[in-house]
N, C-alpha and C. Protein backbone atom coordinates (compact mmCIF):
# COMPACT_ATOMS: atom_id res chain seq x y z
N UNK A 1 0.96 -1.32 0.09
CA UNK A 1 0.15 0.12 -0.13
C UNK A 1 0.56 1.25 0.05
N UNK A 2 0.42 2.26 -0.43
CA UNK A 2 1.17 3.64 -1.19
C UNK A 2 0.38 4.55 -0.42
N UNK A 3 0.78 5.54 0.43
CA UNK A 3 0.50 6.55 0.81
C UNK A 3 0.83 7.79 0.80
N UNK A 4 0.30 9.10 0.95
CA UNK A 4 0.61 10.24 0.85
C UNK A 4 -0.36 10.85 1.66
N UNK A 5 0.22 12.05 1.97
CA UNK A 5 -0.57 13.39 2.45
C UNK A 5 -0.68 14.60 2.64
N UNK A 6 -1.68 15.25 1.66
CA UNK A 6 -2.11 16.34 1.40
C UNK A 6 -2.92 17.25 1.85
N UNK A 7 -2.89 18.55 2.43
CA UNK A 7 -3.59 19.38 3.35
C UNK A 7 -4.94 18.65 4.01
N UNK A 8 -4.48 18.38 4.60
CA UNK A 8 -6.06 16.52 5.66
C UNK A 8 -6.23 15.86 4.81
N UNK A 9 -5.65 15.44 3.69
CA UNK A 9 -6.39 14.29 2.88
C UNK A 9 -4.89 13.13 2.75
N UNK A 10 -5.39 11.71 3.51
CA UNK A 10 -4.75 10.94 3.29
C UNK A 10 -5.08 10.07 2.28
N UNK A 11 -4.30 9.70 1.15
CA UNK A 11 -4.24 9.53 -0.31
C UNK A 11 -3.47 8.23 0.05
N UNK A 12 -4.39 7.17 -0.09
CA UNK A 12 -3.62 5.53 -0.36
C UNK A 12 -4.11 4.96 -1.79
N UNK A 13 -3.33 4.02 -2.34
CA UNK A 13 -3.30 3.13 -3.11
C UNK A 13 -2.81 1.38 -3.00
N UNK A 14 -3.83 1.31 -3.13
CA UNK A 14 -3.72 -0.15 -2.73
C UNK A 14 -3.14 -1.17 -3.51
N UNK A 15 -2.20 -2.14 -3.56
CA UNK A 15 -1.80 -3.38 -4.53
C UNK A 15 -2.30 -3.88 -5.24
N UNK A 16 -3.70 -4.25 -4.52
CA UNK A 16 -5.10 -5.30 -5.20
C UNK A 16 -5.72 -4.37 -6.59
N UNK A 17 -5.11 -2.77 -6.37
CA UNK A 17 -6.05 -2.57 -7.41
C UNK A 17 -5.39 -2.69 -8.79
N UNK A 18 -6.27 -2.58 -9.91
CA UNK A 18 -6.09 -2.72 -11.47
C UNK A 18 -6.22 -1.48 -11.88
N UNK A 19 -6.08 -1.55 -13.09
CA UNK A 19 -7.10 -0.38 -13.94
C UNK A 19 -8.11 -0.01 -13.88
N UNK A 20 -8.50 1.10 -14.38
CA UNK A 20 -7.93 2.10 -14.22
C UNK A 20 -7.26 2.53 -13.24
N UNK A 21 -6.39 3.96 -13.08
CA UNK A 21 -5.64 4.46 -12.19
C UNK A 21 -7.06 4.99 -11.04
N UNK A 22 -6.09 4.82 -9.77
CA UNK A 22 -7.48 5.33 -8.53
C UNK A 22 -6.75 5.25 -7.20
N UNK A 23 -7.11 6.72 -6.97
CA UNK A 23 -6.34 6.74 -5.49
C UNK A 23 -8.15 6.81 -4.36
N UNK A 24 -7.41 6.57 -3.36
CA UNK A 24 -8.62 6.37 -2.08
C UNK A 24 -7.95 7.85 -1.31
N UNK A 25 -9.03 8.63 -1.63
CA UNK A 25 -8.82 9.46 -0.53
C UNK A 25 -9.98 9.90 1.22
N UNK A 26 -8.91 10.32 2.31
CA UNK A 26 -9.82 9.79 3.60
C UNK A 26 -9.61 11.62 4.09
N UNK A 27 -10.92 11.61 3.94
CA UNK A 27 -10.63 13.00 5.02
C UNK A 27 -11.89 13.37 6.21
N UNK A 28 -11.40 12.97 7.35
CA UNK A 28 -12.23 12.77 7.80
C UNK A 28 -12.39 11.18 8.35
N UNK A 29 -13.77 11.30 8.47
CA UNK A 29 -14.59 10.04 8.47
C UNK A 29 -15.24 9.82 6.74
N UNK A 30 -14.57 10.67 6.07
CA UNK A 30 -15.21 10.57 4.09
C UNK A 30 -14.01 9.49 3.56
N UNK A 31 -14.39 9.30 3.55
CA UNK A 31 -13.98 8.18 2.24
C UNK A 31 -14.33 8.39 0.49
N UNK A 32 -13.15 9.33 -0.41
CA UNK A 32 -13.95 9.74 -1.82
C UNK A 32 -12.66 8.50 -2.65
N UNK A 33 -13.55 7.56 -3.86
CA UNK A 33 -12.21 6.80 -4.12
C UNK A 33 -12.42 7.77 -5.67
N UNK A 34 -11.04 8.47 -6.38
CA UNK A 34 -10.77 9.49 -6.79
C UNK A 34 -10.19 8.64 -8.63
N UNK A 35 -10.78 8.98 -9.39
CA UNK A 35 -10.02 8.26 -10.77
C UNK A 35 -8.95 9.30 -11.41
N UNK A 36 -8.27 8.43 -11.69
CA UNK A 36 -6.75 9.28 -12.21
C UNK A 36 -6.94 9.14 -13.86
N UNK A 37 -7.89 10.73 -14.15
CA UNK A 37 -7.69 9.94 -15.76
C UNK A 37 -6.53 10.47 -16.64
N UNK A 38 -6.36 9.98 -17.71
CA UNK A 38 -5.16 10.07 -18.78
C UNK A 38 -5.12 11.21 -18.86
N UNK A 39 -6.22 12.67 -19.00
CA UNK A 39 -5.50 13.24 -19.57
C UNK A 39 -5.51 14.17 -18.63
N UNK A 40 -4.96 13.84 -17.27
CA UNK A 40 -4.65 14.72 -16.02
C UNK A 40 -5.58 15.44 -15.22
N UNK A 41 -6.63 15.01 -15.77
CA UNK A 41 -7.52 15.49 -14.68
C UNK A 41 -8.10 13.95 -13.61
N UNK A 42 -8.82 14.53 -12.59
CA UNK A 42 -9.33 13.97 -12.03
C UNK A 42 -11.18 13.59 -11.37
N UNK A 43 -11.59 12.18 -11.60
CA UNK A 43 -13.30 12.86 -10.86
C UNK A 43 -13.32 11.62 -10.00
N UNK A 44 -14.52 11.69 -9.28
CA UNK A 44 -15.08 10.86 -9.05
C UNK A 44 -15.21 9.30 -9.41
N UNK A 45 -14.70 8.12 -9.06
CA UNK A 45 -14.58 6.79 -10.25
C UNK A 45 -16.38 6.79 -10.67
N UNK A 46 -16.30 5.91 -10.94
CA UNK A 46 -17.86 5.96 -11.78
C UNK A 46 -18.74 4.21 -11.53
N UNK A 47 -18.99 4.49 -10.09
CA UNK A 47 -19.21 3.61 -9.20
C UNK A 47 -20.37 3.96 -8.02
N UNK A 48 -21.11 3.56 -7.70
CA UNK A 48 -22.35 3.60 -6.81
C UNK A 48 -21.26 3.97 -5.43
N UNK A 49 -20.64 3.38 -5.02
CA UNK A 49 -20.09 3.67 -3.16
C UNK A 49 -18.45 4.58 -3.72
N UNK A 50 -18.74 5.57 -4.74
CA UNK A 50 -17.03 6.59 -4.96
C UNK A 50 -16.76 7.15 -3.54
N UNK A 51 -18.78 7.92 -2.93
CA UNK A 51 -18.39 7.81 -1.89
C UNK A 51 -18.50 7.37 -0.52
N UNK A 52 -18.00 7.04 0.47
CA UNK A 52 -18.27 6.37 1.41
C UNK A 52 -18.77 6.39 2.88
N UNK A 53 -19.27 6.62 3.72
CA UNK A 53 -20.46 7.84 4.18
C UNK A 53 -21.28 8.26 3.88
N UNK A 54 -22.52 7.85 4.60
CA UNK A 54 -23.48 8.60 4.06
C UNK A 54 -23.69 10.13 4.31
N UNK A 55 -23.04 10.21 5.13
CA UNK A 55 -23.13 11.81 5.68
C UNK A 55 -21.55 12.31 5.26
N UNK A 56 -21.35 12.36 4.43
CA UNK A 56 -19.86 13.24 3.54
C UNK A 56 -21.20 14.08 3.15
N UNK A 57 -20.59 15.53 3.12
CA UNK A 57 -21.18 17.07 3.05
C UNK A 57 -20.40 17.05 1.16
N UNK A 58 -21.02 18.43 0.57
CA UNK A 58 -20.52 18.40 -0.80
C UNK A 58 -19.35 18.94 -0.65
N UNK A 59 -18.99 19.85 0.20
CA UNK A 59 -17.51 20.41 0.59
C UNK A 59 -16.92 19.98 0.63
N UNK A 60 -16.62 18.70 1.51
CA UNK A 60 -15.94 17.37 2.19
C UNK A 60 -15.14 16.66 0.77
N UNK A 61 -16.80 16.57 -0.10
CA UNK A 61 -15.96 15.34 -1.60
C UNK A 61 -15.36 16.45 -2.41
N UNK A 62 -15.62 17.97 -2.63
CA UNK A 62 -14.98 18.91 -3.26
C UNK A 62 -13.66 18.88 -3.18
N UNK A 63 -13.75 18.88 -1.32
CA UNK A 63 -11.98 19.65 -0.84
C UNK A 63 -11.07 18.11 -1.43
N UNK A 64 -10.76 17.09 -1.47
CA UNK A 64 -10.28 15.81 -1.73
C UNK A 64 -10.40 15.89 -3.02
N UNK A 65 -11.44 15.86 -3.87
CA UNK A 65 -10.65 16.36 -5.17
C UNK A 65 -10.52 17.34 -5.34
N UNK A 66 -10.32 18.20 -5.30
CA UNK A 66 -9.38 19.75 -5.27
C UNK A 66 -8.10 19.45 -4.91
N UNK A 67 -7.73 18.71 -4.04
CA UNK A 67 -6.43 18.43 -3.07
C UNK A 67 -5.49 17.42 -4.25
N UNK A 68 -6.46 16.86 -5.02
CA UNK A 68 -6.52 15.31 -5.37
C UNK A 68 -5.54 16.00 -7.10
N UNK A 69 -6.21 16.92 -7.77
CA UNK A 69 -6.22 17.66 -8.91
C UNK A 69 -4.92 18.66 -8.86
N UNK A 70 -4.84 18.91 -7.69
CA UNK A 70 -3.15 19.86 -7.23
C UNK A 70 -2.49 19.16 -6.83
N UNK A 71 -2.64 17.94 -6.40
CA UNK A 71 -1.23 16.52 -6.76
C UNK A 71 -1.25 15.65 -7.17
N UNK A 72 -1.95 15.81 -8.30
CA UNK A 72 -2.44 14.72 -9.44
C UNK A 72 -1.08 13.98 -9.43
N UNK A 73 0.16 15.09 -10.23
CA UNK A 73 1.02 14.22 -10.48
C UNK A 73 2.05 13.27 -9.14
N UNK A 74 1.38 13.73 -8.10
CA UNK A 74 2.71 13.24 -7.23
C UNK A 74 1.29 11.67 -6.78
N UNK A 75 0.41 12.27 -7.23
CA UNK A 75 -0.53 10.65 -7.27
C UNK A 75 -0.47 9.62 -8.11
N UNK A 76 -0.12 10.55 -9.40
CA UNK A 76 0.19 9.38 -10.61
C UNK A 76 1.35 8.58 -10.14
N UNK A 77 2.25 9.19 -9.56
CA UNK A 77 3.73 8.69 -9.13
C UNK A 77 3.20 7.60 -8.55
N UNK A 78 3.00 8.28 -7.26
CA UNK A 78 2.30 6.62 -6.47
C UNK A 78 1.74 5.50 -7.02
N UNK A 79 0.58 5.89 -7.72
CA UNK A 79 0.35 4.17 -8.08
C UNK A 79 1.00 3.61 -9.02
N UNK A 80 2.04 4.52 -10.55
CA UNK A 80 2.75 4.12 -11.12
C UNK A 80 3.59 3.43 -9.89
N UNK A 81 4.37 3.72 -9.26
CA UNK A 81 4.69 2.95 -8.38
C UNK A 81 4.43 1.65 -7.79
N UNK A 82 3.79 1.36 -7.70
CA UNK A 82 3.01 0.29 -6.85
C UNK A 82 1.94 -0.72 -8.09
N UNK A 83 2.05 -0.09 -9.35
CA UNK A 83 1.39 -0.92 -10.67
C UNK A 83 2.57 -1.21 -11.36
N UNK A 84 3.27 -0.13 -11.46
CA UNK A 84 4.45 0.21 -12.77
C UNK A 84 3.55 -0.31 -14.01
């Protein structure tokens, strides 16, 4: 498992993950699964449980996505280091 922290968000890449590239962002009790898109942008993964905790606020999710976007290159390198 790989781990990076930025602006209060802990990003994790699990070794058992597979393509497409994604990271799990943890902010307080909220987990957001972030797609690291080939065009250098981020988005929520396209699945029903992309946001884990029913009490997550839009602001919390936006924060995780904004931090992931700001640190896209570092997160992509982390994913590549785990999955090459």
